[in-house]
Amino acid sequence: MWKTSRQATAAQKTEARRRARAALESMTDEENAAITAAALADPDAQPVDELFARNKGGRPRKDVVKKQIALRLDPEVIERFKADGPGWQSRMSEILRKAVGL
C-alpha cells in the first residue's frame, strides 16, 4: 500500500475505486440499514446537511461590500502594517478612511 495519496499511482487509485464500488454493490439492504442506524446514533457522525443547517460557516456578511483592487505601495509601508499582525489590511483601510474624512 502507498504511504500517502500523492504516492498512489493512477492504477492504484482506479483499483481502490473499483473495490469500493464492488463492496457497495454487494451490501445488502439490511447491512445498509444497520450502518445508517449506527451512524445516526453517533453524535459525531451526523449527516452533512444537518451540520450545514446548524452552521452556515464562513465569515459573517457585512452590509458594505468591499472592492478588491490592485494598489502599488512601497514595501516599507506594507511591512509596517504587517508588523502589527493579522488585520493589517483593515487597519490600512481605516487609516485611509480617516485620511479622506470618512
N, C-alpha and C. Protein backbone atom coordinates (compact mmCIF):
# COMPACT_ATOMS: atom_id res chain seq x y z
N MET A 1 0.85 -1.19 0.00
CA MET A 1 0.00 0.00 0.00
C MET A 1 0.89 1.24 0.00
N TRP A 2 0.39 2.35 -0.52
CA TRP A 2 1.17 3.57 -0.61
C TRP A 2 1.11 4.35 0.69
N LYS A 3 2.08 5.24 0.91
CA LYS A 3 2.16 5.99 2.16
C LYS A 3 1.18 7.14 2.20
N THR A 4 1.06 7.88 1.13
CA THR A 4 0.11 8.99 1.07
C THR A 4 -0.61 8.94 -0.26
N SER A 5 -1.70 9.70 -0.38
CA SER A 5 -2.46 9.70 -1.63
C SER A 5 -1.63 10.26 -2.77
N ARG A 6 -0.65 11.11 -2.48
CA ARG A 6 0.20 11.64 -3.54
C ARG A 6 1.09 10.55 -4.14
N GLN A 7 1.40 9.55 -3.35
CA GLN A 7 2.28 8.49 -3.81
C GLN A 7 1.52 7.39 -4.57
N ALA A 8 0.22 7.45 -4.54
CA ALA A 8 -0.57 6.42 -5.21
C ALA A 8 -0.52 6.65 -6.72
N THR A 9 -0.36 5.55 -7.44
CA THR A 9 -0.38 5.66 -8.90
C THR A 9 -1.82 5.71 -9.37
N ALA A 10 -2.00 6.10 -10.61
CA ALA A 10 -3.35 6.15 -11.18
C ALA A 10 -3.99 4.77 -11.14
N ALA A 11 -3.20 3.73 -11.42
CA ALA A 11 -3.72 2.36 -11.40
C ALA A 11 -4.17 1.97 -10.00
N GLN A 12 -3.41 2.36 -8.98
CA GLN A 12 -3.78 2.03 -7.59
C GLN A 12 -5.07 2.75 -7.21
N LYS A 13 -5.21 3.98 -7.61
CA LYS A 13 -6.44 4.73 -7.30
C LYS A 13 -7.64 4.12 -8.01
N THR A 14 -7.46 3.74 -9.27
CA THR A 14 -8.54 3.11 -10.02
C THR A 14 -8.95 1.80 -9.36
N GLU A 15 -7.98 1.02 -8.93
CA GLU A 15 -8.28 -0.26 -8.27
C GLU A 15 -9.01 -0.03 -6.95
N ALA A 16 -8.60 0.97 -6.19
CA ALA A 16 -9.27 1.26 -4.92
C ALA A 16 -10.72 1.67 -5.16
N ARG A 17 -10.96 2.48 -6.18
CA ARG A 17 -12.34 2.87 -6.50
C ARG A 17 -13.16 1.67 -6.94
N ARG A 18 -12.55 0.78 -7.73
CA ARG A 18 -13.26 -0.42 -8.19
C ARG A 18 -13.67 -1.29 -7.01
N ARG A 19 -12.73 -1.50 -6.06
CA ARG A 19 -13.04 -2.30 -4.88
C ARG A 19 -14.13 -1.66 -4.03
N ALA A 20 -14.09 -0.35 -3.89
CA ALA A 20 -15.09 0.36 -3.10
C ALA A 20 -16.48 0.21 -3.73
N ARG A 21 -16.54 0.35 -5.06
CA ARG A 21 -17.83 0.18 -5.76
C ARG A 21 -18.35 -1.25 -5.60
N ALA A 22 -17.44 -2.22 -5.72
CA ALA A 22 -17.84 -3.63 -5.58
C ALA A 22 -18.39 -3.90 -4.18
N ALA A 23 -17.73 -3.35 -3.17
CA ALA A 23 -18.20 -3.55 -1.79
C ALA A 23 -19.56 -2.90 -1.60
N LEU A 24 -19.75 -1.72 -2.16
CA LEU A 24 -21.03 -1.02 -2.04
C LEU A 24 -22.14 -1.79 -2.74
N GLU A 25 -21.85 -2.32 -3.92
CA GLU A 25 -22.87 -3.07 -4.67
C GLU A 25 -23.23 -4.39 -3.99
N SER A 26 -22.29 -4.98 -3.26
CA SER A 26 -22.56 -6.27 -2.61
C SER A 26 -23.26 -6.10 -1.26
N MET A 27 -23.40 -4.85 -0.78
CA MET A 27 -24.02 -4.61 0.51
C MET A 27 -25.53 -4.89 0.44
N THR A 28 -26.05 -5.61 1.42
CA THR A 28 -27.48 -5.89 1.46
C THR A 28 -28.23 -4.70 2.05
N ASP A 29 -29.54 -4.67 1.84
CA ASP A 29 -30.36 -3.61 2.41
C ASP A 29 -30.30 -3.61 3.93
N GLU A 30 -30.21 -4.81 4.54
CA GLU A 30 -30.13 -4.92 5.98
C GLU A 30 -28.81 -4.34 6.51
N GLU A 31 -27.72 -4.65 5.82
CA GLU A 31 -26.42 -4.10 6.21
C GLU A 31 -26.42 -2.57 6.09
N ASN A 32 -26.98 -2.09 5.01
CA ASN A 32 -27.05 -0.65 4.79
C ASN A 32 -27.88 0.02 5.90
N ALA A 33 -29.01 -0.59 6.26
CA ALA A 33 -29.86 -0.04 7.32
C ALA A 33 -29.14 -0.04 8.67
N ALA A 34 -28.40 -1.12 8.95
CA ALA A 34 -27.67 -1.21 10.22
C ALA A 34 -26.57 -0.15 10.28
N ILE A 35 -25.84 0.05 9.18
CA ILE A 35 -24.78 1.06 9.15
C ILE A 35 -25.37 2.45 9.29
N THR A 36 -26.48 2.72 8.59
CA THR A 36 -27.13 4.03 8.68
C THR A 36 -27.62 4.30 10.09
N ALA A 37 -28.24 3.30 10.73
CA ALA A 37 -28.73 3.47 12.10
C ALA A 37 -27.59 3.74 13.07
N ALA A 38 -26.49 3.03 12.91
CA ALA A 38 -25.34 3.24 13.79
C ALA A 38 -24.75 4.64 13.59
N ALA A 39 -24.68 5.08 12.34
CA ALA A 39 -24.14 6.42 12.07
C ALA A 39 -25.05 7.50 12.64
N LEU A 40 -26.35 7.35 12.52
CA LEU A 40 -27.29 8.35 13.04
C LEU A 40 -27.28 8.39 14.57
N ALA A 41 -26.94 7.25 15.20
CA ALA A 41 -26.86 7.22 16.66
C ALA A 41 -25.59 7.86 17.19
N ASP A 42 -24.60 8.02 16.33
CA ASP A 42 -23.32 8.61 16.73
C ASP A 42 -23.39 10.13 16.57
N PRO A 43 -23.28 10.89 17.68
CA PRO A 43 -23.40 12.35 17.58
C PRO A 43 -22.27 12.99 16.76
N ASP A 44 -21.15 12.29 16.60
CA ASP A 44 -20.05 12.83 15.81
C ASP A 44 -20.15 12.47 14.33
N ALA A 45 -21.18 11.73 13.95
CA ALA A 45 -21.30 11.28 12.56
C ALA A 45 -22.66 11.66 11.99
N GLN A 46 -23.07 12.89 12.20
CA GLN A 46 -24.36 13.33 11.70
C GLN A 46 -24.27 13.66 10.21
N PRO A 47 -25.40 13.55 9.51
CA PRO A 47 -25.39 13.86 8.08
C PRO A 47 -24.91 15.29 7.83
N VAL A 48 -24.23 15.47 6.73
CA VAL A 48 -23.65 16.76 6.39
C VAL A 48 -24.72 17.84 6.28
N ASP A 49 -25.88 17.51 5.73
CA ASP A 49 -26.95 18.51 5.59
C ASP A 49 -27.32 19.12 6.93
N GLU A 50 -27.38 18.30 7.99
CA GLU A 50 -27.71 18.81 9.32
C GLU A 50 -26.61 19.72 9.85
N LEU A 51 -25.36 19.38 9.58
CA LEU A 51 -24.26 20.22 10.03
C LEU A 51 -24.33 21.58 9.37
N PHE A 52 -24.61 21.61 8.06
CA PHE A 52 -24.69 22.89 7.36
C PHE A 52 -25.90 23.69 7.82
N ALA A 53 -26.98 23.02 8.18
CA ALA A 53 -28.17 23.74 8.65
C ALA A 53 -27.88 24.45 9.97
N ARG A 54 -27.08 23.81 10.83
CA ARG A 54 -26.76 24.41 12.11
C ARG A 54 -25.70 25.49 12.00
N ASN A 55 -24.74 25.32 11.11
CA ASN A 55 -23.63 26.24 11.00
C ASN A 55 -23.36 26.51 9.53
N LYS A 56 -23.73 27.68 9.08
CA LYS A 56 -23.54 28.01 7.67
C LYS A 56 -22.06 28.17 7.34
N GLY A 57 -21.23 28.44 8.33
CA GLY A 57 -19.81 28.57 8.09
C GLY A 57 -19.47 29.88 7.41
N GLY A 58 -18.22 30.09 7.20
CA GLY A 58 -17.79 31.30 6.53
C GLY A 58 -17.81 32.51 7.44
N ARG A 59 -17.46 33.63 6.87
CA ARG A 59 -17.41 34.86 7.64
C ARG A 59 -18.77 35.53 7.63
N PRO A 60 -19.10 36.29 8.67
CA PRO A 60 -20.37 36.99 8.68
C PRO A 60 -20.43 38.01 7.54
N ARG A 61 -21.58 38.15 6.94
CA ARG A 61 -21.77 39.11 5.86
C ARG A 61 -21.90 40.51 6.43
N LYS A 62 -21.35 41.47 5.72
CA LYS A 62 -21.46 42.86 6.13
C LYS A 62 -22.34 43.58 5.14
N ASP A 63 -22.95 44.69 5.58
CA ASP A 63 -23.79 45.47 4.70
C ASP A 63 -22.98 46.11 3.58
N VAL A 64 -21.75 46.50 3.89
CA VAL A 64 -20.89 47.15 2.91
C VAL A 64 -19.99 46.10 2.27
N VAL A 65 -20.07 45.99 0.97
CA VAL A 65 -19.22 45.04 0.26
C VAL A 65 -17.97 45.79 -0.18
N LYS A 66 -16.82 45.26 0.20
CA LYS A 66 -15.56 45.88 -0.17
C LYS A 66 -15.17 45.46 -1.58
N LYS A 67 -14.43 46.31 -2.24
CA LYS A 67 -13.96 46.02 -3.58
C LYS A 67 -12.48 45.66 -3.55
N GLN A 68 -12.12 44.70 -4.35
CA GLN A 68 -10.73 44.30 -4.45
C GLN A 68 -10.09 45.11 -5.57
N ILE A 69 -8.93 45.68 -5.29
CA ILE A 69 -8.20 46.47 -6.29
C ILE A 69 -6.73 46.08 -6.28
N ALA A 70 -6.04 46.51 -7.30
CA ALA A 70 -4.58 46.36 -7.31
C ALA A 70 -4.01 47.72 -6.95
N LEU A 71 -3.16 47.77 -5.97
CA LEU A 71 -2.60 49.02 -5.48
C LEU A 71 -1.11 48.81 -5.24
N ARG A 72 -0.30 49.67 -5.80
CA ARG A 72 1.15 49.55 -5.62
C ARG A 72 1.57 50.46 -4.47
N LEU A 73 2.20 49.85 -3.48
CA LEU A 73 2.67 50.57 -2.31
C LEU A 73 4.14 50.27 -2.08
N ASP A 74 4.80 51.16 -1.39
CA ASP A 74 6.20 50.92 -1.03
C ASP A 74 6.27 49.70 -0.11
N PRO A 75 7.27 48.86 -0.30
CA PRO A 75 7.41 47.67 0.54
C PRO A 75 7.50 48.01 2.03
N GLU A 76 8.13 49.14 2.35
CA GLU A 76 8.26 49.54 3.76
C GLU A 76 6.89 49.82 4.39
N VAL A 77 5.98 50.39 3.60
CA VAL A 77 4.62 50.69 4.11
C VAL A 77 3.90 49.38 4.42
N ILE A 78 3.97 48.46 3.49
CA ILE A 78 3.29 47.17 3.69
C ILE A 78 3.88 46.43 4.89
N GLU A 79 5.19 46.37 4.98
CA GLU A 79 5.84 45.68 6.10
C GLU A 79 5.47 46.31 7.44
N ARG A 80 5.34 47.63 7.46
CA ARG A 80 4.99 48.32 8.71
C ARG A 80 3.59 47.90 9.18
N PHE A 81 2.65 47.81 8.25
CA PHE A 81 1.29 47.39 8.61
C PHE A 81 1.27 45.91 9.01
N LYS A 82 1.99 45.09 8.27
CA LYS A 82 2.04 43.66 8.58
C LYS A 82 2.71 43.38 9.91
N ALA A 83 3.60 44.25 10.33
CA ALA A 83 4.34 44.06 11.58
C ALA A 83 3.41 44.02 12.79
N ASP A 84 2.24 44.64 12.68
CA ASP A 84 1.28 44.65 13.78
C ASP A 84 0.40 43.40 13.81
N GLY A 85 0.61 42.49 12.85
CA GLY A 85 -0.11 41.23 12.87
C GLY A 85 -1.33 41.19 11.98
N PRO A 86 -2.13 40.12 12.13
CA PRO A 86 -3.32 39.95 11.30
C PRO A 86 -4.26 41.15 11.39
N GLY A 87 -4.97 41.39 10.31
CA GLY A 87 -5.88 42.52 10.26
C GLY A 87 -5.24 43.77 9.69
N TRP A 88 -4.04 43.62 9.12
CA TRP A 88 -3.31 44.79 8.64
C TRP A 88 -4.04 45.50 7.51
N GLN A 89 -4.76 44.77 6.67
CA GLN A 89 -5.49 45.41 5.58
C GLN A 89 -6.65 46.24 6.12
N SER A 90 -7.32 45.74 7.13
CA SER A 90 -8.41 46.51 7.75
C SER A 90 -7.88 47.76 8.42
N ARG A 91 -6.74 47.63 9.09
CA ARG A 91 -6.13 48.81 9.72
C ARG A 91 -5.73 49.83 8.67
N MET A 92 -5.19 49.37 7.57
CA MET A 92 -4.80 50.27 6.49
C MET A 92 -6.03 50.97 5.93
N SER A 93 -7.11 50.24 5.76
CA SER A 93 -8.35 50.82 5.25
C SER A 93 -8.88 51.89 6.20
N GLU A 94 -8.83 51.61 7.49
CA GLU A 94 -9.31 52.59 8.48
C GLU A 94 -8.49 53.87 8.44
N ILE A 95 -7.20 53.75 8.33
CA ILE A 95 -6.34 54.94 8.25
C ILE A 95 -6.63 55.73 6.99
N LEU A 96 -6.85 55.03 5.87
CA LEU A 96 -7.18 55.72 4.62
C LEU A 96 -8.55 56.42 4.72
N ARG A 97 -9.51 55.78 5.39
CA ARG A 97 -10.83 56.40 5.58
C ARG A 97 -10.68 57.70 6.37
N LYS A 98 -9.89 57.68 7.43
CA LYS A 98 -9.68 58.88 8.23
C LYS A 98 -8.98 59.96 7.41
N ALA A 99 -8.02 59.55 6.58
CA ALA A 99 -7.25 60.50 5.77
C ALA A 99 -8.13 61.25 4.78
N VAL A 100 -9.19 60.57 4.27
CA VAL A 100 -10.07 61.23 3.31
C VAL A 100 -11.34 61.78 3.96
N GLY A 101 -11.39 61.73 5.29
CA GLY A 101 -12.51 62.32 6.02
C GLY A 101 -13.77 61.48 6.08
N LEU A 102 -13.64 60.17 6.06
CA LEU A 102 -14.82 59.29 6.18
C LEU A 102 -14.97 58.74 7.57
